[in-house]
Structure formats: C-alpha cells, structure tokens
Amino acid sequence: MPNTVGILSPGDMGHTVGNVLRENGLRVIACLKNRSQRTRELAEKVGIEDVPTYPQLVAEADLILSIMVPAQAMSAASVVAEALQQTDATLTYTDCNAIAPQTVRKLGDVITAAGGTFVDASIIGPPPRTPGATRFYASGPNLETFSELNNYGLDVRTLSDEIGHASAIKMCYASLTKGLTALCTELLTAASALGVSDALTAEFQLSQSALFERMERGLPGMPPKARRWIGEMEEIAATFEHVGLTPNILKGAADMYRFVGDTHLADLPPEARDEFPTLAELIETLAENLKSE
C-alpha cells in the first residue's frame, strides 16, 4: 500500500491527480527544481510538498506517477533511474504519458535496469475534478501498488500483464478525440478561407447537429493545449506506422496543432476559461493567421 506518491510533474493534469490522492489520505510530493512558476503555484495550491532533489523524491516515494508532455517522458525516467541507482530505494514507477507502446517499452527498460518496478499507464478523460470522468488504464506484470490507488480516489482499470497495452489504448482513443478536433479545426478554417463558413455551419446544424455542438463546446478550449498535443499526435503516428499503417493522418493532425500553437491563443493558460474565444472567434483568428503566412 503506498503512503507517499511522487508526481512528475504537477501541471494541469498532474496537480489535479495529486490533489485527489492527497484529499483521500496520501502524502503527495514533487521535486519542483527547474519547474515553471505556474507549476510551482499549482502544486502549492493543492498541498503537494516540494522536495529539493530527485534522490530525496525517490527515497521518500513508494510510487511515482509521471504525467507530462510526451517529449519529456524518457528524460524524466532517466533522471529517476539515476536517482534509484544512487539510493537503492524500492519504488514503483508509473508512466502515465501519451507515448507509443514501443516508446514505453524502452522507457520501462530504463526503470527496471535501475532496480525499479515499472507500470505502463494511460489517462483517458479530463483532469479528475469530477468522480467518474477519468480512467487510468494500466498494464504490466506488477500492478499491485498502482492498483491500490483505486482506494484513494482514482479509477484504475487493469488491462493485462503486457507493457504497452495501456499506452496502446491511449494512442487509439486519442487518435479519435484529438485527431477529430484537428480535422474539425482544419475544415472550419478552410471553409472560412473559401468564404463558405455560414453555409457550412447551417448545413452542419441541419445534418450534423451533435458533432457541431461538440465543436462549439470543445474547440474554443483547445489552443492552450495545442503545443503539447503536437508530440502526442506524433507518438500516435509512430504507433500506427509501427504496426504497418499510414502515419500520415496523425502527422497532419500534429501539423494542425503546430499551426494553432503559433497563434496568441495558445499562450492562454488552461484555467483562463473566461478568456477563451467563441468557436467563430477561434476560426476567424486561424483564418487571419493563414492569410499572414
């Protein structure tokens, strides 16, 4: 049973997960060395304790959850592995990032070679502010410690004893949700550039009303996430290519998030909901950005 959980890193998702665990009786710690001021403030707000070094994090934590952008996952695991070798601590390391199965297997080897226990996990759903909204899928041969978090406010669902399965379900699921978001963003921007936005909107409201309502709800809050979704789309593309499918659909989604990430809207923090544009304002901004390129 874990008593202390380390979070790498307490950003939008990570600090919310940490808050749930802390509210359910666990001690939650993080090493905030070299982290942004925003991350420090999010951690402090929910009572996540800052420890000064990674060896101390590894020594004090029974379980570490890695929750960060895909590009940082391997370097974070390497830092923890180095700390493990310095401390001889007993630790379960759970990678919860949106990375390809073949990537997560390499990452797992880094942790197990340093003496740690590795769990492949993935998060489907928003930051767990509402019970039942977020699932943590897990796979691997040693799931006992991570599965205990079912008793501390998280919804952990085990898949198999194979490293890679939890990451695979995330890759396939996010290819629909975030891939569709990218496609909707692109087609609406194209319609604006082609001068048919009003007519297309009317047609969507007539024949695709549920999908258009989803666009109106979901797309305005997408720009603050666009830059970190680039890497996620690239990991999905690599996943599909690895099994012999075309990577190009999701590489295109990465290109769309790169395009959105170049606008000022991507600079908004995720919590600045009052400043999010309407769908029409978002598409107008993207169409204007298209003209300026």
C-alpha atoms as a PDB file:
ATOM      1  CA  MET A   1       0.000   0.000   0.000  1.00  0.00           C
ATOM      2  CA  PRO A   2       1.515   3.381  -0.980  1.00  0.00           C
ATOM      3  CA  ASN A   3       1.822   6.043   1.704  1.00  0.00           C
ATOM      4  CA  THR A   4       3.689   8.658  -0.333  1.00  0.00           C
ATOM      5  CA  VAL A   5       3.184   9.346  -4.054  1.00  0.00           C
ATOM      6  CA  GLY A   6       5.552  11.437  -6.154  1.00  0.00           C
ATOM      7  CA  ILE A   7       4.225  13.396  -9.121  1.00  0.00           C
ATOM      8  CA  LEU A   8       6.271  14.224 -12.217  1.00  0.00           C
ATOM      9  CA  SER A   9       5.091  16.915 -12.942  1.00  0.00           C
ATOM     10  CA  PRO A  10       2.231  18.708 -11.177  1.00  0.00           C
ATOM     11  CA  GLY A  11       0.925  20.650 -14.193  1.00  0.00           C
ATOM     12  CA  ASP A  12      -2.742  20.870 -15.153  1.00  0.00           C
ATOM     13  CA  MET A  13      -3.353  17.100 -15.064  1.00  0.00           C
ATOM     14  CA  GLY A  14      -0.662  16.204 -12.546  1.00  0.00           C
ATOM     15  CA  HIS A  15      -1.626  18.643  -9.816  1.00  0.00           C
ATOM     16  CA  THR A  16      -5.279  17.598 -10.090  1.00  0.00           C
ATOM     17  CA  VAL A  17      -4.339  13.929  -9.732  1.00  0.00           C
ATOM     18  CA  GLY A  18      -2.147  14.857  -6.776  1.00  0.00           C
ATOM     19  CA  ASN A  19      -4.991  16.765  -5.188  1.00  0.00           C
ATOM     20  CA  VAL A  20      -7.330  13.751  -5.433  1.00  0.00           C
ATOM     21  CA  LEU A  21      -4.745  11.481  -3.811  1.00  0.00           C
ATOM     22  CA  ARG A  22      -3.994  13.980  -1.050  1.00  0.00           C
ATOM     23  CA  GLU A  23      -7.677  14.521  -0.301  1.00  0.00           C
ATOM     24  CA  ASN A  24      -8.016  10.751   0.048  1.00  0.00           C
ATOM     25  CA  GLY A  25      -5.281  10.465   2.637  1.00  0.00           C
ATOM     26  CA  LEU A  26      -1.975  10.051   0.812  1.00  0.00           C
ATOM     27  CA  ARG A  27       1.096  12.231   1.111  1.00  0.00           C
ATOM     28  CA  VAL A  28       1.967  13.712  -2.296  1.00  0.00           C
ATOM     29  CA  ILE A  29       5.395  15.119  -3.150  1.00  0.00           C
ATOM     30  CA  ALA A  30       7.198  16.575  -6.162  1.00  0.00           C
ATOM     31  CA  CYS A  31      10.655  17.871  -6.982  1.00  0.00           C
ATOM     32  CA  LEU A  32       9.939  21.331  -8.398  1.00  0.00           C
ATOM     33  CA  LYS A  33      13.553  22.130  -9.183  1.00  0.00           C
ATOM     34  CA  ASN A  34      13.691  23.812 -12.629  1.00  0.00           C
ATOM     35  CA  ARG A  35       9.881  23.753 -12.969  1.00  0.00           C
ATOM     36  CA  SER A  36       7.902  26.818 -14.078  1.00  0.00           C
ATOM     37  CA  GLN A  37       6.381  29.315 -11.691  1.00  0.00           C
ATOM     38  CA  ARG A  38       2.918  28.205 -12.803  1.00  0.00           C
ATOM     39  CA  THR A  39       3.691  24.573 -11.929  1.00  0.00           C
ATOM     40  CA  ARG A  40       5.009  25.649  -8.529  1.00  0.00           C
ATOM     41  CA  GLU A  41       1.836  27.624  -7.854  1.00  0.00           C
ATOM     42  CA  LEU A  42      -0.425  24.746  -8.928  1.00  0.00           C
ATOM     43  CA  ALA A  43       1.437  22.349  -6.627  1.00  0.00           C
ATOM     44  CA  GLU A  44       1.332  24.737  -3.684  1.00  0.00           C
ATOM     45  CA  LYS A  45      -2.387  25.400  -4.195  1.00  0.00           C
ATOM     46  CA  VAL A  46      -3.291  21.735  -3.643  1.00  0.00           C
ATOM     47  CA  GLY A  47      -0.756  20.970  -0.924  1.00  0.00           C
ATOM     48  CA  ILE A  48       1.808  18.975  -2.901  1.00  0.00           C
ATOM     49  CA  GLU A  49       5.075  19.096  -0.942  1.00  0.00           C
ATOM     50  CA  ASP A  50       8.250  20.204  -2.694  1.00  0.00           C
ATOM     51  CA  VAL A  51      11.335  18.079  -2.034  1.00  0.00           C
ATOM     52  CA  PRO A  52      14.694  19.567  -3.073  1.00  0.00           C
ATOM     53  CA  THR A  53      16.259  16.697  -5.057  1.00  0.00           C
ATOM     54  CA  TYR A  54      15.287  13.688  -7.137  1.00  0.00           C
ATOM     55  CA  PRO A  55      17.209  11.247  -4.899  1.00  0.00           C
ATOM     56  CA  GLN A  56      15.094  12.512  -1.991  1.00  0.00           C
ATOM     57  CA  LEU A  57      11.921  12.148  -4.089  1.00  0.00           C
ATOM     58  CA  VAL A  58      12.876   8.579  -4.926  1.00  0.00           C
ATOM     59  CA  ALA A  59      13.831   7.778  -1.332  1.00  0.00           C
ATOM     60  CA  GLU A  60      10.549   9.091   0.121  1.00  0.00           C
ATOM     61  CA  ALA A  61       8.034   7.970  -2.530  1.00  0.00           C
ATOM     62  CA  ASP A  62       6.566   4.474  -2.676  1.00  0.00           C
ATOM     63  CA  LEU A  63       5.089   5.228  -6.089  1.00  0.00           C
ATOM     64  CA  ILE A  64       5.914   7.816  -8.750  1.00  0.00           C
ATOM     65  CA  LEU A  65       3.427   8.935 -11.383  1.00  0.00           C
ATOM     66  CA  SER A  66       4.963  10.500 -14.489  1.00  0.00           C
ATOM     67  CA  ILE A  67       2.420  12.880 -16.059  1.00  0.00           C
ATOM     68  CA  MET A  68       3.963  15.271 -18.571  1.00  0.00           C
ATOM     69  CA  VAL A  69       4.293  16.085 -22.271  1.00  0.00           C
ATOM     70  CA  PRO A  70       5.440  13.069 -24.347  1.00  0.00           C
ATOM     71  CA  ALA A  71       8.781  14.603 -25.307  1.00  0.00           C
ATOM     72  CA  GLN A  72       9.862  14.767 -21.642  1.00  0.00           C
ATOM     73  CA  ALA A  73       8.853  11.225 -20.647  1.00  0.00           C
ATOM     74  CA  MET A  74      12.138   9.474 -21.393  1.00  0.00           C
ATOM     75  CA  SER A  75      14.352  12.145 -19.825  1.00  0.00           C
ATOM     76  CA  ALA A  76      12.205  12.101 -16.666  1.00  0.00           C
ATOM     77  CA  ALA A  77      12.539   8.320 -16.429  1.00  0.00           C
ATOM     78  CA  SER A  78      16.311   8.598 -16.891  1.00  0.00           C
ATOM     79  CA  VAL A  79      16.563  11.136 -14.047  1.00  0.00           C
ATOM     80  CA  VAL A  80      14.580   8.830 -11.746  1.00  0.00           C
ATOM     81  CA  ALA A  81      16.628   5.798 -12.813  1.00  0.00           C
ATOM     82  CA  GLU A  82      19.839   7.643 -11.947  1.00  0.00           C
ATOM     83  CA  ALA A  83      18.395   8.593  -8.562  1.00  0.00           C
ATOM     84  CA  LEU A  84      17.330   4.979  -7.987  1.00  0.00           C
ATOM     85  CA  GLN A  85      20.874   3.793  -8.547  1.00  0.00           C
ATOM     86  CA  GLN A  86      22.131   6.370  -6.039  1.00  0.00           C
ATOM     87  CA  THR A  87      19.653   5.478  -3.286  1.00  0.00           C
ATOM     88  CA  ASP A  88      18.881   1.754  -3.682  1.00  0.00           C
ATOM     89  CA  ALA A  89      15.250   2.654  -2.950  1.00  0.00           C
ATOM     90  CA  THR A  90      12.290   0.360  -3.628  1.00  0.00           C
ATOM     91  CA  LEU A  91       9.969   2.139  -5.998  1.00  0.00           C
ATOM     92  CA  THR A  92       7.122   1.621  -8.456  1.00  0.00           C
ATOM     93  CA  TYR A  93       7.363   3.991 -11.414  1.00  0.00           C
ATOM     94  CA  THR A  94       4.175   4.502 -13.422  1.00  0.00           C
ATOM     95  CA  ASP A  95       4.411   6.227 -16.776  1.00  0.00           C
ATOM     96  CA  CYS A  96       1.022   7.842 -17.496  1.00  0.00           C
ATOM     97  CA  ASN A  97       2.093   9.716 -20.618  1.00  0.00           C
ATOM     98  CA  ALA A  98       0.679   9.690 -24.146  1.00  0.00           C
ATOM     99  CA  ILE A  99       3.509   7.781 -25.781  1.00  0.00           C
ATOM    100  CA  ALA A 100       3.729   4.930 -28.281  1.00  0.00           C
ATOM    101  CA  PRO A 101       3.858   1.335 -26.957  1.00  0.00           C
ATOM    102  CA  GLN A 102       7.332   0.831 -28.442  1.00  0.00           C
ATOM    103  CA  THR A 103       8.475   4.015 -26.662  1.00  0.00           C
ATOM    104  CA  VAL A 104       7.045   2.951 -23.323  1.00  0.00           C
ATOM    105  CA  ARG A 105       8.766  -0.437 -23.511  1.00  0.00           C
ATOM    106  CA  LYS A 106      12.150   1.284 -23.910  1.00  0.00           C
ATOM    107  CA  LEU A 107      11.289   3.597 -21.029  1.00  0.00           C
ATOM    108  CA  GLY A 108      10.310   0.639 -18.873  1.00  0.00           C
ATOM    109  CA  ASP A 109      13.670  -0.991 -19.532  1.00  0.00           C
ATOM    110  CA  VAL A 110      15.405   2.138 -18.192  1.00  0.00           C
ATOM    111  CA  ILE A 111      13.491   1.917 -14.905  1.00  0.00           C
ATOM    112  CA  THR A 112      13.770  -1.844 -14.405  1.00  0.00           C
ATOM    113  CA  ALA A 113      17.512  -1.812 -15.201  1.00  0.00           C
ATOM    114  CA  ALA A 114      17.906   0.645 -12.310  1.00  0.00           C
ATOM    115  CA  GLY A 115      16.034  -1.681  -9.949  1.00  0.00           C
ATOM    116  CA  GLY A 116      12.574  -0.105 -10.090  1.00  0.00           C
ATOM    117  CA  THR A 117       9.207  -1.695 -10.781  1.00  0.00           C
ATOM    118  CA  PHE A 118       7.555  -0.339 -13.920  1.00  0.00           C
ATOM    119  CA  VAL A 119       3.869   0.163 -14.777  1.00  0.00           C
ATOM    120  CA  ASP A 120       2.568   1.237 -18.169  1.00  0.00           C
ATOM    121  CA  ALA A 121      -0.460   3.504 -17.689  1.00  0.00           C
ATOM    122  CA  SER A 122      -2.538   5.968 -19.657  1.00  0.00           C
ATOM    123  CA  ILE A 123      -5.135   8.569 -18.765  1.00  0.00           C
ATOM    124  CA  ILE A 124      -8.385   8.892 -20.682  1.00  0.00           C
ATOM    125  CA  GLY A 125     -10.564  11.827 -19.765  1.00  0.00           C
ATOM    126  CA  PRO A 126     -10.020  15.315 -18.323  1.00  0.00           C
ATOM    127  CA  PRO A 127      -8.139  16.131 -15.102  1.00  0.00           C
ATOM    128  CA  PRO A 128     -10.086  14.186 -12.431  1.00  0.00           C
ATOM    129  CA  ARG A 129     -12.034  17.028 -10.859  1.00  0.00           C
ATOM    130  CA  THR A 130     -15.327  15.080 -11.133  1.00  0.00           C
ATOM    131  CA  PRO A 131     -15.646  11.459  -9.924  1.00  0.00           C
ATOM    132  CA  GLY A 132     -16.163   9.048 -12.817  1.00  0.00           C
ATOM    133  CA  ALA A 133     -14.834  11.374 -15.535  1.00  0.00           C
ATOM    134  CA  THR A 134     -11.300   9.978 -15.789  1.00  0.00           C
ATOM    135  CA  ARG A 135      -9.930   6.468 -16.241  1.00  0.00           C
ATOM    136  CA  PHE A 136      -6.374   5.273 -15.587  1.00  0.00           C
ATOM    137  CA  TYR A 137      -5.644   2.194 -17.697  1.00  0.00           C
ATOM    138  CA  ALA A 138      -2.714   0.056 -16.573  1.00  0.00           C
ATOM    139  CA  SER A 139      -0.739  -2.888 -17.883  1.00  0.00           C
ATOM    140  CA  GLY A 140       2.361  -4.776 -16.842  1.00  0.00           C
ATOM    141  CA  PRO A 141       3.399  -7.688 -14.637  1.00  0.00           C
ATOM    142  CA  ASN A 142       3.424  -5.733 -11.355  1.00  0.00           C
ATOM    143  CA  LEU A 143       0.269  -3.659 -10.965  1.00  0.00           C
ATOM    144  CA  GLU A 144      -0.487  -4.154  -7.274  1.00  0.00           C
ATOM    145  CA  THR A 145       0.881  -0.872  -5.902  1.00  0.00           C
ATOM    146  CA  PHE A 146      -0.598   1.301  -8.650  1.00  0.00           C
ATOM    147  CA  SER A 147      -3.954  -0.518  -8.482  1.00  0.00           C
ATOM    148  CA  GLU A 148      -4.150   0.430  -4.790  1.00  0.00           C
ATOM    149  CA  LEU A 149      -4.951   3.975  -5.954  1.00  0.00           C
ATOM    150  CA  ASN A 150      -8.481   2.710  -6.582  1.00  0.00           C
ATOM    151  CA  ASN A 151      -8.801   3.089  -2.810  1.00  0.00           C
ATOM    152  CA  TYR A 152      -7.598   6.696  -2.929  1.00  0.00           C
ATOM    153  CA  GLY A 153      -9.936   8.394  -5.390  1.00  0.00           C
ATOM    154  CA  LEU A 154      -8.676   7.245  -8.791  1.00  0.00           C
ATOM    155  CA  ASP A 155     -10.385   4.885 -11.257  1.00  0.00           C
ATOM    156  CA  VAL A 156      -7.636   2.397 -12.170  1.00  0.00           C
ATOM    157  CA  ARG A 157      -8.510  -0.261 -14.746  1.00  0.00           C
ATOM    158  CA  THR A 158      -6.061  -3.084 -15.400  1.00  0.00           C
ATOM    159  CA  LEU A 159      -5.727  -4.467 -18.934  1.00  0.00           C
ATOM    160  CA  SER A 160      -3.067  -7.187 -18.991  1.00  0.00           C
ATOM    161  CA  ASP A 161       0.425  -8.089 -17.835  1.00  0.00           C
ATOM    162  CA  GLU A 162       1.955  -6.747 -21.071  1.00  0.00           C
ATOM    163  CA  ILE A 163       3.838  -3.451 -21.062  1.00  0.00           C
ATOM    164  CA  GLY A 164       2.487  -1.397 -23.982  1.00  0.00           C
ATOM    165  CA  HIS A 165      -1.212  -2.252 -23.798  1.00  0.00           C
ATOM    166  CA  ALA A 166      -2.133   0.752 -21.641  1.00  0.00           C
ATOM    167  CA  SER A 167      -0.258   3.093 -23.957  1.00  0.00           C
ATOM    168  CA  ALA A 168      -1.842   1.430 -26.996  1.00  0.00           C
ATOM    169  CA  ILE A 169      -5.398   2.109 -25.830  1.00  0.00           C
ATOM    170  CA  LYS A 170      -4.492   5.778 -25.272  1.00  0.00           C
ATOM    171  CA  MET A 171      -2.960   6.064 -28.734  1.00  0.00           C
ATOM    172  CA  CYS A 172      -6.045   4.615 -30.416  1.00  0.00           C
ATOM    173  CA  TYR A 173      -8.504   6.602 -28.313  1.00  0.00           C
ATOM    174  CA  ALA A 174      -6.723   9.947 -28.696  1.00  0.00           C
ATOM    175  CA  SER A 175      -6.438   9.434 -32.444  1.00  0.00           C
ATOM    176  CA  LEU A 176     -10.231   9.775 -32.488  1.00  0.00           C
ATOM    177  CA  THR A 177     -10.739  12.574 -29.966  1.00  0.00           C
ATOM    178  CA  LYS A 178      -7.770  14.825 -30.703  1.00  0.00           C
ATOM    179  CA  GLY A 179      -7.486  13.712 -34.311  1.00  0.00           C
ATOM    180  CA  LEU A 180     -11.120  14.676 -34.854  1.00  0.00           C
ATOM    181  CA  THR A 181     -10.532  18.007 -33.118  1.00  0.00           C
ATOM    182  CA  ALA A 182      -7.657  18.704 -35.518  1.00  0.00           C
ATOM    183  CA  LEU A 183      -9.784  17.724 -38.539  1.00  0.00           C
ATOM    184  CA  CYS A 184     -12.694  19.930 -37.417  1.00  0.00           C
ATOM    185  CA  THR A 185     -10.310  22.841 -36.838  1.00  0.00           C
ATOM    186  CA  GLU A 186      -8.806  22.427 -40.291  1.00  0.00           C
ATOM    187  CA  LEU A 187     -12.084  22.112 -42.189  1.00  0.00           C
ATOM    188  CA  LEU A 188     -13.678  25.101 -40.427  1.00  0.00           C
ATOM    189  CA  THR A 189     -10.595  27.218 -41.134  1.00  0.00           C
ATOM    190  CA  ALA A 190     -10.680  26.093 -44.770  1.00  0.00           C
ATOM    191  CA  ALA A 191     -14.385  26.974 -45.011  1.00  0.00           C
ATOM    192  CA  SER A 192     -13.600  30.465 -43.722  1.00  0.00           C
ATOM    193  CA  ALA A 193     -10.758  30.896 -46.217  1.00  0.00           C
ATOM    194  CA  LEU A 194     -13.061  29.699 -49.004  1.00  0.00           C
ATOM    195  CA  GLY A 195     -15.898  32.035 -47.992  1.00  0.00           C
ATOM    196  CA  VAL A 196     -18.483  29.349 -47.130  1.00  0.00           C
ATOM    197  CA  SER A 197     -18.490  29.390 -43.311  1.00  0.00           C
ATOM    198  CA  ASP A 198     -22.109  30.465 -42.878  1.00  0.00           C
ATOM    199  CA  ALA A 199     -23.446  27.960 -45.383  1.00  0.00           C
ATOM    200  CA  LEU A 200     -21.373  25.125 -43.921  1.00  0.00           C
ATOM    201  CA  THR A 201     -22.449  25.994 -40.367  1.00  0.00           C
ATOM    202  CA  ALA A 202     -26.109  25.917 -41.446  1.00  0.00           C
ATOM    203  CA  GLU A 203     -25.600  22.517 -43.080  1.00  0.00           C
ATOM    204  CA  PHE A 204     -23.832  21.126 -40.008  1.00  0.00           C
ATOM    205  CA  GLN A 205     -26.663  22.374 -37.777  1.00  0.00           C
ATOM    206  CA  LEU A 206     -29.132  20.631 -40.082  1.00  0.00           C
ATOM    207  CA  SER A 207     -27.402  17.306 -40.709  1.00  0.00           C
ATOM    208  CA  GLN A 208     -24.571  17.042 -38.117  1.00  0.00           C
ATOM    209  CA  SER A 209     -26.038  18.866 -35.128  1.00  0.00           C
ATOM    210  CA  ALA A 210     -24.441  16.694 -32.416  1.00  0.00           C
ATOM    211  CA  LEU A 211     -20.999  16.982 -33.989  1.00  0.00           C
ATOM    212  CA  PHE A 212     -21.338  20.735 -34.462  1.00  0.00           C
ATOM    213  CA  GLU A 213     -22.385  21.168 -30.822  1.00  0.00           C
ATOM    214  CA  ARG A 214     -19.251  19.251 -29.886  1.00  0.00           C
ATOM    215  CA  MET A 215     -17.177  21.645 -31.998  1.00  0.00           C
ATOM    216  CA  GLU A 216     -18.767  24.646 -30.278  1.00  0.00           C
ATOM    217  CA  ARG A 217     -18.074  23.164 -26.829  1.00  0.00           C
ATOM    218  CA  GLY A 218     -14.631  21.704 -27.399  1.00  0.00           C
ATOM    219  CA  LEU A 219     -12.680  23.718 -29.941  1.00  0.00           C
ATOM    220  CA  PRO A 220     -12.514  27.083 -28.084  1.00  0.00           C
ATOM    221  CA  GLY A 221     -10.568  25.482 -25.206  1.00  0.00           C
ATOM    222  CA  MET A 222      -8.139  23.656 -27.491  1.00  0.00           C
ATOM    223  CA  PRO A 223      -5.470  26.329 -28.253  1.00  0.00           C
ATOM    224  CA  PRO A 224      -3.822  26.284 -24.770  1.00  0.00           C
ATOM    225  CA  LYS A 225      -3.292  22.528 -25.251  1.00  0.00           C
ATOM    226  CA  ALA A 226      -2.232  22.646 -28.904  1.00  0.00           C
ATOM    227  CA  ARG A 227       1.523  22.771 -28.370  1.00  0.00           C
ATOM    228  CA  ARG A 228       1.632  19.720 -26.089  1.00  0.00           C
ATOM    229  CA  TRP A 229      -0.736  17.817 -28.386  1.00  0.00           C
ATOM    230  CA  ILE A 230       1.826  18.058 -31.232  1.00  0.00           C
ATOM    231  CA  GLY A 231       4.016  15.436 -29.597  1.00  0.00           C
ATOM    232  CA  GLU A 232       1.017  13.271 -28.767  1.00  0.00           C
ATOM    233  CA  MET A 233      -0.071  13.189 -32.413  1.00  0.00           C
ATOM    234  CA  GLU A 234       3.475  12.307 -33.446  1.00  0.00           C
ATOM    235  CA  GLU A 235       3.514   9.415 -30.964  1.00  0.00           C
ATOM    236  CA  ILE A 236       0.209   8.135 -32.379  1.00  0.00           C
ATOM    237  CA  ALA A 237       1.618   8.404 -35.902  1.00  0.00           C
ATOM    238  CA  ALA A 238       4.642   6.359 -34.799  1.00  0.00           C
ATOM    239  CA  THR A 239       2.332   3.795 -33.174  1.00  0.00           C
ATOM    240  CA  PHE A 240       0.324   3.300 -36.329  1.00  0.00           C
ATOM    241  CA  GLU A 241       3.426   3.154 -38.513  1.00  0.00           C
ATOM    242  CA  HIS A 242       4.903   0.513 -36.192  1.00  0.00           C
ATOM    243  CA  VAL A 243       2.003  -1.849 -36.949  1.00  0.00           C
ATOM    244  CA  GLY A 244       2.130  -1.167 -40.691  1.00  0.00           C
ATOM    245  CA  LEU A 245      -0.496   1.557 -41.047  1.00  0.00           C
ATOM    246  CA  THR A 246      -0.041   5.029 -42.516  1.00  0.00           C
ATOM    247  CA  PRO A 247       1.314   7.601 -40.059  1.00  0.00           C
ATOM    248  CA  ASN A 248       0.297  10.499 -42.291  1.00  0.00           C
ATOM    249  CA  ILE A 249      -3.209  11.151 -40.930  1.00  0.00           C
ATOM    250  CA  LEU A 250      -1.901  11.874 -37.434  1.00  0.00           C
ATOM    251  CA  LYS A 251       1.186  13.675 -38.719  1.00  0.00           C
ATOM    252  CA  GLY A 252      -1.320  16.021 -40.355  1.00  0.00           C
ATOM    253  CA  ALA A 253      -3.069  16.462 -37.008  1.00  0.00           C
ATOM    254  CA  ALA A 254       0.304  17.374 -35.484  1.00  0.00           C
ATOM    255  CA  ASP A 255       0.725  19.976 -38.242  1.00  0.00           C
ATOM    256  CA  MET A 256      -2.659  21.499 -37.364  1.00  0.00           C
ATOM    257  CA  TYR A 257      -1.727  21.781 -33.684  1.00  0.00           C
ATOM    258  CA  ARG A 258       1.579  23.326 -34.708  1.00  0.00           C
ATOM    259  CA  PHE A 259      -0.391  25.879 -36.742  1.00  0.00           C
ATOM    260  CA  VAL A 260      -2.704  26.667 -33.808  1.00  0.00           C
ATOM    261  CA  GLY A 261       0.302  26.813 -31.482  1.00  0.00           C
ATOM    262  CA  ASP A 262       1.699  29.715 -33.493  1.00  0.00           C
ATOM    263  CA  THR A 263      -1.249  31.957 -32.541  1.00  0.00           C
ATOM    264  CA  HIS A 264      -1.575  34.140 -29.451  1.00  0.00           C
ATOM    265  CA  LEU A 265      -4.494  31.969 -28.286  1.00  0.00           C
ATOM    266  CA  ALA A 266      -2.039  29.166 -27.484  1.00  0.00           C
ATOM    267  CA  ASP A 267      -0.425  31.431 -24.858  1.00  0.00           C
ATOM    268  CA  LEU A 268      -3.562  31.362 -22.687  1.00  0.00           C
ATOM    269  CA  PRO A 269      -3.271  29.135 -19.601  1.00  0.00           C
ATOM    270  CA  PRO A 270      -5.830  26.277 -19.488  1.00  0.00           C
ATOM    271  CA  GLU A 271      -7.506  27.802 -16.422  1.00  0.00           C
ATOM    272  CA  ALA A 272      -8.232  31.140 -18.186  1.00  0.00           C
ATOM    273  CA  ARG A 273     -11.632  29.962 -19.385  1.00  0.00           C
ATOM    274  CA  ASP A 274     -13.126  33.461 -19.309  1.00  0.00           C
ATOM    275  CA  GLU A 275     -10.629  34.476 -21.982  1.00  0.00           C
ATOM    276  CA  PHE A 276     -11.297  31.585 -24.371  1.00  0.00           C
ATOM    277  CA  PRO A 277     -12.690  32.626 -27.772  1.00  0.00           C
ATOM    278  CA  THR A 278     -16.014  31.504 -29.162  1.00  0.00           C
ATOM    279  CA  LEU A 279     -15.827  28.998 -31.991  1.00  0.00           C
ATOM    280  CA  ALA A 280     -16.375  31.782 -34.537  1.00  0.00           C
ATOM    281  CA  GLU A 281     -13.634  33.909 -32.962  1.00  0.00           C
ATOM    282  CA  LEU A 282     -11.222  30.976 -32.953  1.00  0.00           C
ATOM    283  CA  ILE A 283     -11.784  30.246 -36.632  1.00  0.00           C
ATOM    284  CA  GLU A 284     -11.515  33.932 -37.514  1.00  0.00           C
ATOM    285  CA  THR A 285      -8.136  34.111 -35.747  1.00  0.00           C
ATOM    286  CA  LEU A 286      -6.873  30.989 -37.515  1.00  0.00           C
ATOM    287  CA  ALA A 287      -8.078  32.215 -40.906  1.00  0.00           C
ATOM    288  CA  GLU A 288      -6.324  35.548 -40.346  1.00  0.00           C
ATOM    289  CA  ASN A 289      -3.167  33.699 -39.336  1.00  0.00           C
ATOM    290  CA  LEU A 290      -3.452  31.692 -42.543  1.00  0.00           C
ATOM    291  CA  LYS A 291      -3.502  34.903 -44.596  1.00  0.00           C
ATOM    292  CA  SER A 292      -0.404  36.216 -42.860  1.00  0.00           C
ATOM    293  CA  GLU A 293       1.688  33.143 -43.671  1.00  0.00           C
END
